[in-house]
Amino acid sequence: MRRVPIPELPRYRGRAGFKRGFAAVRTFGGRRFVVAVAAVAILALAPGATGDVPLVNLNVYGTLGQNGWYVSNVTLNWSFSGPLYSSTGCSNTTLTADTPGTTFTCTATSLDRSTTTSLSKTIKLDKTPPTLSKLAVRAGTRRLDLSWAASSDTQVVQVMRTPNARGKSGLVYSGTRASFRDTRVKVGTRYRYTVTAIDQAGNRAAKTLTVAARTLFEPMPAERVSRAPVLRWTPVKRAQYYNVQLVRGKKILSAWPATTHFRVPRSWVYHGHRYRLHRGAYRWYVWPGLGTFSANRYGRLLGGSSFVFSPA
């Protein structure tokens, strides 16, 4: 095997640390190691010097939400690149209470007192989701009106709609209002709406309801009314009038309005008997009248619904 000559190292005067360092290099061989070991020796001669390494380091542990907010407990762990002479505000801390902004500052001085470094971190913490209540829906003429009440910390409300059980969900509203009118509905189709309130940190509160776009839409099924209600339904093409029937145990009213609504009177006569609204539940039905009234020709039943009369 050919022997590779090791170049003679230059001789240095000074501390023994330099001599020991270069002696080690000669033992292992390879000129490229000389600079590295020399650098170690230089650092050894300058205790407390840190070069480009920061004196103070910070690790933050927590779940980051939106807009720089944390949404879970936050732990701050401080560390240092070398021994210290002194430090202030550098205790490891766990923040558990909501805060719009709390600043933590660590100040440290190196052991030889040549370097003093401060590092600050502001934590915004919001673990509390907004509240969402009073979610309701009312059906209109080929429309569904949703309403809700969201807490003041809500930044945006989103409404997702899913038609039928297997339909594809889609975002139909995003904004700051407390209501949404959905006019892209089909009569008879059931829709599931999920209303979500989102705060500045990304915390969410959601509620879901399912409703069908009905042909008989007012009052809502089983809705309590304190005075004689106005019954409303969707119009039928070519219908000249409608037949409305009111039932409580038996049929007690039949009327033929030419419009798509009918106000139930407080009292009326049907087949020679006088009736009036009493406290309790009622059902009602509507048929479209086709052609002239004398033709006595009706289309298919539009539907049936109910209300509960409960006078104040």
Protein backbone atom coordinates (compact mmCIF):
# COMPACT_ATOMS: atom_id res chain seq x y z
CA MET A 1 0.00 0.00 0.00
CA ARG A 2 1.29 3.41 -0.92
CA ARG A 3 1.85 5.61 2.06
CA VAL A 4 0.38 9.10 1.86
CA PRO A 5 2.71 11.58 3.49
CA ILE A 6 1.22 13.75 6.18
CA PRO A 7 2.31 17.36 5.74
CA GLU A 8 4.16 18.88 8.59
CA LEU A 9 1.99 21.12 10.69
CA PRO A 10 3.18 24.62 11.38
CA ARG A 11 4.34 25.34 14.87
CA TYR A 12 2.36 27.83 16.95
CA ARG A 13 3.30 29.65 20.05
CA GLY A 14 0.80 30.37 22.73
CA ARG A 15 -1.41 28.38 24.98
CA ALA A 16 -1.16 24.65 25.22
CA GLY A 17 -4.71 24.31 23.97
CA PHE A 18 -3.59 25.19 20.47
CA LYS A 19 -0.74 22.68 20.57
CA ARG A 20 -2.97 19.87 21.84
CA GLY A 21 -5.54 20.65 19.21
CA PHE A 22 -3.14 20.47 16.29
CA ALA A 23 -1.46 17.41 17.74
CA ALA A 24 -4.81 15.64 17.63
CA VAL A 25 -5.21 16.61 14.02
CA ARG A 26 -1.86 15.12 13.16
CA THR A 27 -2.75 11.87 14.87
CA PHE A 28 -5.93 11.40 12.80
CA GLY A 29 -4.55 12.92 9.62
CA GLY A 30 -6.25 14.97 6.91
CA ARG A 31 -5.58 18.64 6.33
CA ARG A 32 -9.28 19.54 6.20
CA PHE A 33 -9.66 18.87 9.93
CA VAL A 34 -7.17 21.49 10.91
CA VAL A 35 -9.52 24.47 10.55
CA ALA A 36 -12.35 22.85 12.52
CA VAL A 37 -10.19 21.95 15.46
CA ALA A 38 -8.56 25.34 15.39
CA ALA A 39 -12.04 26.93 15.61
CA VAL A 40 -12.82 24.85 18.68
CA ALA A 41 -9.62 26.02 20.22
CA ILE A 42 -10.45 29.65 19.49
CA LEU A 43 -13.88 29.29 21.14
CA ALA A 44 -12.21 27.71 24.11
CA LEU A 45 -10.11 30.82 24.42
CA ALA A 46 -13.21 33.08 24.45
CA PRO A 47 -15.63 31.80 27.10
CA GLY A 48 -19.16 33.26 26.85
CA ALA A 49 -18.91 34.09 23.13
CA THR A 50 -21.84 32.68 21.17
CA GLY A 51 -21.15 33.80 17.59
CA ASP A 52 -24.35 33.62 15.49
CA VAL A 53 -26.13 31.40 18.00
CA PRO A 54 -28.91 33.33 19.84
CA LEU A 55 -28.53 33.42 23.59
CA VAL A 56 -32.29 33.01 24.25
CA ASN A 57 -34.56 30.54 22.45
CA LEU A 58 -38.31 29.98 22.80
CA ASN A 59 -40.49 27.00 21.94
CA VAL A 60 -44.27 27.56 21.95
CA TYR A 61 -46.60 24.57 22.26
CA GLY A 62 -50.33 24.91 21.55
CA THR A 63 -53.00 24.61 18.88
CA LEU A 64 -52.91 27.57 16.52
CA GLY A 65 -56.27 28.69 15.17
CA GLN A 66 -56.84 31.59 12.79
CA ASN A 67 -55.43 35.12 12.62
CA GLY A 68 -52.60 34.36 15.05
CA TRP A 69 -54.90 33.15 17.84
CA TYR A 70 -54.34 29.99 19.85
CA VAL A 71 -57.35 27.83 20.67
CA SER A 72 -55.84 25.60 23.36
CA ASN A 73 -53.64 25.96 26.44
CA VAL A 74 -50.28 27.44 25.43
CA THR A 75 -46.93 26.44 26.97
CA LEU A 76 -43.81 28.61 26.59
CA ASN A 77 -40.46 26.86 27.11
CA TRP A 78 -37.33 29.04 27.24
CA SER A 79 -33.85 27.66 26.55
CA PHE A 80 -30.35 29.14 26.33
CA SER A 81 -27.31 28.55 24.16
CA GLY A 82 -24.84 28.74 27.04
CA PRO A 83 -24.40 29.25 30.77
CA LEU A 84 -25.95 32.39 32.22
CA TYR A 85 -24.96 34.99 34.72
CA SER A 86 -28.60 36.01 35.26
CA SER A 87 -32.09 35.79 33.74
CA THR A 88 -35.45 37.52 34.26
CA GLY A 89 -38.93 36.37 33.19
CA CYS A 90 -37.59 33.12 31.78
CA SER A 91 -39.66 30.62 33.74
CA ASN A 92 -41.52 28.09 31.62
CA THR A 93 -45.20 29.08 31.60
CA THR A 94 -48.54 27.55 30.62
CA LEU A 95 -51.30 30.00 29.71
CA THR A 96 -54.83 28.66 30.27
CA ALA A 97 -57.11 31.72 30.39
CA ASP A 98 -58.47 33.52 27.33
CA THR A 99 -56.62 36.75 26.61
CA PRO A 100 -56.67 39.27 23.75
CA GLY A 101 -52.89 39.52 24.10
CA THR A 102 -50.43 38.76 26.90
CA THR A 103 -46.74 39.48 26.33
CA PHE A 104 -44.00 37.36 27.89
CA THR A 105 -40.39 38.64 27.90
CA CYS A 106 -37.23 36.72 28.83
CA THR A 107 -34.00 38.68 29.44
CA ALA A 108 -30.73 36.77 29.91
CA THR A 109 -27.07 37.75 30.44
CA SER A 110 -24.21 35.46 29.45
CA LEU A 111 -21.88 34.07 32.07
CA ASP A 112 -19.08 36.49 31.21
CA ARG A 113 -21.60 39.39 31.20
CA SER A 114 -20.60 40.35 27.67
CA THR A 115 -24.03 39.70 26.12
CA THR A 116 -27.55 40.53 27.28
CA THR A 117 -30.48 39.40 25.13
CA SER A 118 -34.25 39.93 25.46
CA LEU A 119 -36.88 37.93 23.60
CA SER A 120 -40.62 38.72 23.73
CA LYS A 121 -43.67 36.78 22.60
CA THR A 122 -47.31 37.95 22.64
CA ILE A 123 -49.92 35.22 22.99
CA LYS A 124 -53.55 35.69 21.93
CA LEU A 125 -55.68 32.91 23.37
CA ASP A 126 -59.37 32.18 22.72
CA LYS A 127 -60.59 28.73 23.69
CA THR A 128 -64.25 29.72 23.98
CA PRO A 129 -66.42 29.05 20.92
CA PRO A 130 -69.23 31.46 20.02
CA THR A 131 -72.82 30.58 20.86
CA LEU A 132 -75.59 29.92 18.38
CA SER A 133 -79.25 29.75 19.37
CA LYS A 134 -82.84 30.26 18.21
CA LEU A 135 -82.27 28.48 14.91
CA ALA A 136 -85.60 28.46 13.09
CA VAL A 137 -87.01 28.17 9.59
CA ARG A 138 -90.20 29.35 7.93
CA ALA A 139 -91.44 28.20 4.57
CA GLY A 140 -92.72 30.68 2.01
CA THR A 141 -93.73 30.57 -1.63
CA ARG A 142 -90.96 28.39 -3.03
CA ARG A 143 -88.55 29.63 -0.42
CA LEU A 144 -87.23 28.77 3.04
CA ASP A 145 -86.32 31.53 5.50
CA LEU A 146 -83.73 30.62 8.13
CA SER A 147 -83.00 32.76 11.18
CA TRP A 148 -80.67 32.44 14.16
CA ALA A 149 -79.06 34.35 17.03
CA ALA A 150 -75.24 34.37 17.29
CA SER A 151 -73.11 35.77 20.10
CA SER A 152 -71.32 39.10 19.67
CA ASP A 153 -67.89 37.51 19.22
CA THR A 154 -69.05 35.82 16.01
CA GLN A 155 -67.10 37.05 13.00
CA VAL A 156 -68.92 35.16 10.27
CA VAL A 157 -71.86 32.77 9.89
CA GLN A 158 -71.87 30.03 7.26
CA VAL A 159 -74.87 28.03 6.04
CA MET A 160 -74.36 24.64 4.40
CA ARG A 161 -77.30 23.00 2.59
CA THR A 162 -77.75 19.33 1.73
CA PRO A 163 -80.77 18.29 -0.38
CA ASN A 164 -82.26 14.94 0.62
CA ALA A 165 -80.25 12.32 2.49
CA ARG A 166 -77.73 11.62 -0.28
CA GLY A 167 -77.36 15.05 -1.81
CA LYS A 168 -74.13 16.97 -2.06
CA SER A 169 -73.52 19.64 0.57
CA GLY A 170 -72.84 23.17 -0.58
CA LEU A 171 -72.20 26.56 0.97
CA VAL A 172 -75.24 28.76 0.33
CA TYR A 173 -74.46 31.69 2.65
CA SER A 174 -71.47 33.30 4.34
CA GLY A 175 -71.79 36.66 6.08
CA THR A 176 -72.71 38.53 9.23
CA ARG A 177 -76.50 38.67 9.01
CA ALA A 178 -78.85 36.78 11.33
CA SER A 179 -81.02 35.33 8.57
CA PHE A 180 -80.89 33.77 5.13
CA ARG A 181 -83.59 33.31 2.49
CA ASP A 182 -83.12 30.27 0.28
CA THR A 183 -85.06 30.68 -2.96
CA ARG A 184 -83.41 27.80 -4.80
CA VAL A 185 -85.60 25.06 -3.38
CA LYS A 186 -88.01 22.55 -4.85
CA VAL A 187 -91.42 21.87 -3.33
CA GLY A 188 -91.49 18.50 -1.60
CA THR A 189 -87.70 18.19 -1.30
CA ARG A 190 -86.24 17.88 2.18
CA TYR A 191 -83.19 20.00 2.98
CA ARG A 192 -80.70 19.75 5.80
CA TYR A 193 -79.18 23.07 6.84
CA THR A 194 -76.10 23.37 9.05
CA VAL A 195 -75.54 26.86 10.43
CA THR A 196 -72.06 27.53 11.83
CA ALA A 197 -70.90 30.56 13.82
CA ILE A 198 -67.12 31.22 13.63
CA ASP A 199 -65.18 33.61 15.86
CA GLN A 200 -61.90 35.46 15.26
CA ALA A 201 -59.80 32.50 16.40
CA GLY A 202 -61.62 29.97 14.26
CA ASN A 203 -63.66 28.43 17.08
CA ARG A 204 -66.98 27.10 15.79
CA ALA A 205 -70.50 26.44 17.03
CA ALA A 206 -72.95 24.66 14.74
CA LYS A 207 -76.61 23.65 14.70
CA THR A 208 -78.50 21.58 12.14
CA LEU A 209 -82.14 21.29 11.15
CA THR A 210 -84.03 19.49 8.42
CA VAL A 211 -87.07 20.94 6.66
CA ALA A 212 -89.05 20.37 3.48
CA ALA A 213 -90.09 23.04 1.03
CA ARG A 214 -93.82 22.67 1.53
CA THR A 215 -96.82 23.57 -0.55
CA LEU A 216 -98.69 24.54 2.63
CA PHE A 217 -96.25 26.79 4.37
CA GLU A 218 -98.09 29.00 6.87
CA PRO A 219 -98.62 28.35 9.68
CA MET A 220 -95.76 25.91 10.07
CA PRO A 221 -96.92 22.38 11.00
CA ALA A 222 -98.17 22.29 14.62
CA GLU A 223 -97.36 25.98 15.08
CA ARG A 224 -99.14 27.66 17.99
CA VAL A 225 -101.21 30.70 17.08
CA SER A 226 -102.97 33.04 19.46
CA ARG A 227 -105.49 34.44 16.97
CA ALA A 228 -107.29 33.30 13.86
CA PRO A 229 -104.50 32.32 11.44
CA VAL A 230 -104.03 33.11 7.77
CA LEU A 231 -103.49 29.87 5.86
CA ARG A 232 -101.05 30.15 2.93
CA TRP A 233 -99.91 27.78 0.19
CA THR A 234 -97.96 27.81 -3.04
CA PRO A 235 -99.83 28.68 -6.27
CA VAL A 236 -100.71 25.99 -8.80
CA LYS A 237 -100.47 26.69 -12.52
CA ARG A 238 -103.90 27.03 -14.20
CA ALA A 239 -105.72 26.95 -10.86
CA GLN A 240 -108.67 29.41 -10.89
CA TYR A 241 -109.53 28.95 -7.23
CA TYR A 242 -108.84 26.62 -4.31
CA ASN A 243 -110.82 24.56 -1.86
CA VAL A 244 -109.72 24.86 1.77
CA GLN A 245 -111.04 22.43 4.37
CA LEU A 246 -110.60 22.65 8.13
CA VAL A 247 -110.87 19.54 10.29
CA ARG A 248 -111.15 18.99 14.01
CA GLY A 249 -112.23 15.42 14.48
CA LYS A 250 -114.48 15.96 11.45
CA LYS A 251 -114.71 18.49 8.64
CA ILE A 252 -116.01 21.75 10.08
CA LEU A 253 -115.23 24.29 7.33
CA SER A 254 -114.98 24.37 3.55
CA ALA A 255 -114.12 27.56 1.61
CA TRP A 256 -113.22 28.47 -2.01
CA PRO A 257 -110.80 31.42 -2.10
CA ALA A 258 -109.52 32.69 -5.45
CA THR A 259 -106.15 33.57 -3.90
CA THR A 260 -103.39 31.47 -2.32
CA HIS A 261 -104.33 32.41 1.23
CA PHE A 262 -107.36 32.21 3.49
CA ARG A 263 -107.98 33.78 6.89
CA VAL A 264 -109.87 31.46 9.22
CA PRO A 265 -112.80 33.40 10.72
CA ARG A 266 -113.41 33.42 14.46
CA SER A 267 -116.83 31.92 13.82
CA TRP A 268 -118.69 30.52 10.80
CA VAL A 269 -121.62 28.33 9.75
CA TYR A 270 -121.09 24.96 8.05
CA HIS A 271 -123.95 22.60 7.14
CA GLY A 272 -126.31 24.52 9.39
CA HIS A 273 -124.07 24.42 12.46
CA ARG A 274 -122.18 27.37 13.89
CA TYR A 275 -118.56 26.81 14.69
CA ARG A 276 -115.87 28.98 16.19
CA LEU A 277 -112.20 28.58 16.98
CA HIS A 278 -111.64 26.92 20.34
CA ARG A 279 -108.40 26.10 22.03
CA GLY A 280 -106.88 22.98 20.50
CA ALA A 281 -105.34 21.41 17.39
CA TYR A 282 -106.71 21.72 13.84
CA ARG A 283 -105.77 20.20 10.50
CA TRP A 284 -106.29 21.82 7.11
CA TYR A 285 -106.11 20.71 3.47
CA VAL A 286 -106.05 22.46 0.09
CA TRP A 287 -107.09 21.36 -3.42
CA PRO A 288 -106.64 23.45 -6.60
CA GLY A 289 -109.79 24.21 -8.57
CA LEU A 290 -109.31 23.81 -12.33
CA GLY A 291 -111.55 25.62 -14.82
CA THR A 292 -114.71 27.42 -13.79
CA PHE A 293 -116.24 27.01 -10.36
CA SER A 294 -119.34 25.39 -11.88
CA ALA A 295 -117.17 22.72 -13.54
CA ASN A 296 -116.43 21.37 -10.07
CA ARG A 297 -113.10 19.95 -11.21
CA TYR A 298 -110.15 19.72 -8.84
CA GLY A 299 -106.51 18.80 -9.12
CA ARG A 300 -104.55 16.57 -6.77
CA LEU A 301 -104.40 17.43 -3.07
CA LEU A 302 -101.71 20.05 -2.49
CA GLY A 303 -101.12 18.79 1.01
CA GLY A 304 -102.21 18.93 4.61
CA SER A 305 -100.86 20.73 7.64
CA SER A 306 -101.85 21.64 11.17
CA PHE A 307 -101.88 24.43 13.75
CA VAL A 308 -102.68 24.75 17.43
CA PHE A 309 -105.03 27.55 18.48
CA SER A 310 -103.99 28.88 21.87
CA PRO A 311 -105.57 32.30 22.56
CA ALA A 312 -103.65 34.58 24.89
